[in-house]
Protein backbone atom coordinates (compact mmCIF):
# COMPACT_ATOMS: atom_id res chain seq x y z
CA ALA A 1 0.00 0.00 0.00
CA SER A 2 1.01 3.63 -0.28
CA ILE A 3 -0.40 6.86 1.13
CA ASP A 4 0.40 10.44 0.21
CA THR A 5 1.99 12.54 2.94
CA PRO A 6 3.27 16.14 3.02
CA GLN A 7 6.76 14.64 2.56
CA GLY A 8 5.68 12.53 -0.45
CA PRO A 9 4.37 8.96 -0.88
CA PHE A 10 4.83 6.56 2.03
CA ALA A 11 4.98 2.96 0.75
CA PHE A 12 4.57 0.01 3.11
CA THR A 13 3.54 -3.63 3.28
CA PHE A 14 1.36 -5.40 5.82
CA ASP A 15 2.06 -9.01 6.76
CA PHE A 16 -1.00 -10.51 8.51
CA ALA A 17 -1.84 -13.80 10.23
CA VAL A 18 -5.15 -14.66 11.92
CA ASP A 19 -5.61 -17.58 14.30
CA ALA A 20 -8.81 -19.59 14.85
CA ALA A 21 -9.84 -17.32 17.74
CA GLY A 22 -9.67 -14.20 15.54
CA LYS A 23 -6.40 -12.82 16.91
CA LEU A 24 -4.69 -10.75 14.21
CA THR A 25 -0.89 -10.64 14.34
CA GLY A 26 1.84 -9.60 11.95
CA SER A 27 3.65 -6.41 11.06
CA MET A 28 3.86 -3.31 8.88
CA ILE A 29 7.09 -3.10 6.90
CA ASN A 30 8.64 0.03 5.39
CA GLU A 31 12.12 0.41 3.88
CA PHE A 32 12.92 3.41 6.13
CA ILE A 33 11.47 2.37 9.51
CA GLY A 34 11.76 -1.41 9.22
CA SER A 35 9.21 -3.82 10.66
CA ILE A 36 6.65 -2.65 13.26
CA PRO A 37 4.67 -5.39 15.06
CA ILE A 38 0.89 -5.26 15.08
CA LYS A 39 -0.66 -4.87 18.55
CA GLU A 40 -4.18 -5.56 19.82
CA GLY A 41 -5.18 -7.11 16.48
CA VAL A 42 -8.67 -8.54 16.03
CA ALA A 43 -10.36 -10.11 13.00
CA LYS A 44 -14.09 -10.70 13.15
CA GLY A 45 -15.75 -11.80 9.94
CA ASN A 46 -14.50 -9.37 7.29
CA ASP A 47 -13.68 -6.62 9.82
CA VAL A 48 -10.23 -6.01 11.27
CA SER A 49 -8.73 -3.66 13.82
CA PHE A 50 -5.20 -3.24 15.15
CA LYS A 51 -2.63 -0.74 16.40
CA LEU A 52 0.92 0.16 15.46
CA SER A 53 3.27 1.91 17.88
CA ILE A 54 6.20 3.59 16.13
CA GLU A 55 9.14 4.70 18.22
CA GLY A 56 11.59 7.39 17.20
CA ALA A 57 9.37 10.44 16.72
CA PRO A 58 11.37 13.69 16.45
CA ASP A 59 10.47 14.59 20.05
CA GLY A 60 11.35 11.10 21.33
CA SER A 61 7.75 10.04 21.83
CA VAL A 62 5.96 6.96 20.51
CA MET A 63 3.40 7.46 17.73
CA THR A 64 0.39 5.16 17.98
CA ILE A 65 -1.84 4.62 14.96
CA ASN A 66 -5.20 2.82 15.19
CA TYR A 67 -6.44 0.95 12.13
CA THR A 68 -9.93 -0.30 11.31
CA GLY A 69 -10.89 -1.93 8.06
CA THR A 70 -12.92 -4.35 6.00
CA VAL A 71 -11.70 -7.16 3.77
CA LYS A 72 -13.43 -7.55 0.40
CA GLY A 73 -11.83 -10.15 -1.86
CA ASP A 74 -8.14 -9.28 -2.20
CA ASP A 75 -8.65 -5.70 -0.99
CA LEU A 76 -8.48 -4.36 2.55
CA ALA A 77 -10.08 -0.92 2.93
CA LEU A 78 -8.45 0.69 5.96
CA ILE A 79 -8.77 3.88 7.97
CA SER A 80 -5.72 4.91 9.98
CA LYS A 81 -6.19 7.31 12.87
CA PHE A 82 -3.33 8.82 14.87
CA GLU A 83 -3.59 9.07 18.63
CA GLY A 84 -2.62 12.68 19.34
CA THR A 85 -0.99 14.92 16.75
CA PRO A 86 0.56 13.16 13.76
CA ALA A 87 4.25 13.76 13.05
CA GLY A 88 5.22 15.89 10.08
CA ALA A 89 1.89 17.75 9.96
CA GLY A 90 0.24 14.83 8.21
CA PRO A 91 -3.51 14.16 8.42
CA ALA A 92 -4.87 12.71 11.66
CA GLU A 93 -7.05 10.26 9.71
CA THR A 94 -6.41 8.63 6.34
CA ALA A 95 -8.45 6.15 4.29
CA PHE A 96 -6.65 3.84 1.87
CA THR A 97 -6.86 0.38 0.33
CA ALA A 98 -4.22 -2.34 0.58
CA THR A 99 -4.28 -5.15 -2.00
CA ARG A 100 -3.16 -8.72 -1.31
CA ALA A 101 0.12 -9.60 -3.02
CA LYS A 102 -0.22 -12.38 -5.58
């Protein structure tokens, strides 16, 4: 997936796994920040929710982003919402679609 930011496109990949109880695990991978583990992941039917906590903000804080989404075929429509003020003056909430790699 990729989203537009004030600094330009931000490309990333999600790697997901769901167990029989609906626990969603995995990571978000980006060439600049590496792999960030998914936290508090839940999959229920076609709906998913999870958090990412990214360390290394310019002020030394941890950025937490909440994700909610719906799977439809090979597409995952997601909404990301920052807790607090997003770094780099980006939007607090962004909608985008990730497509399953073939």
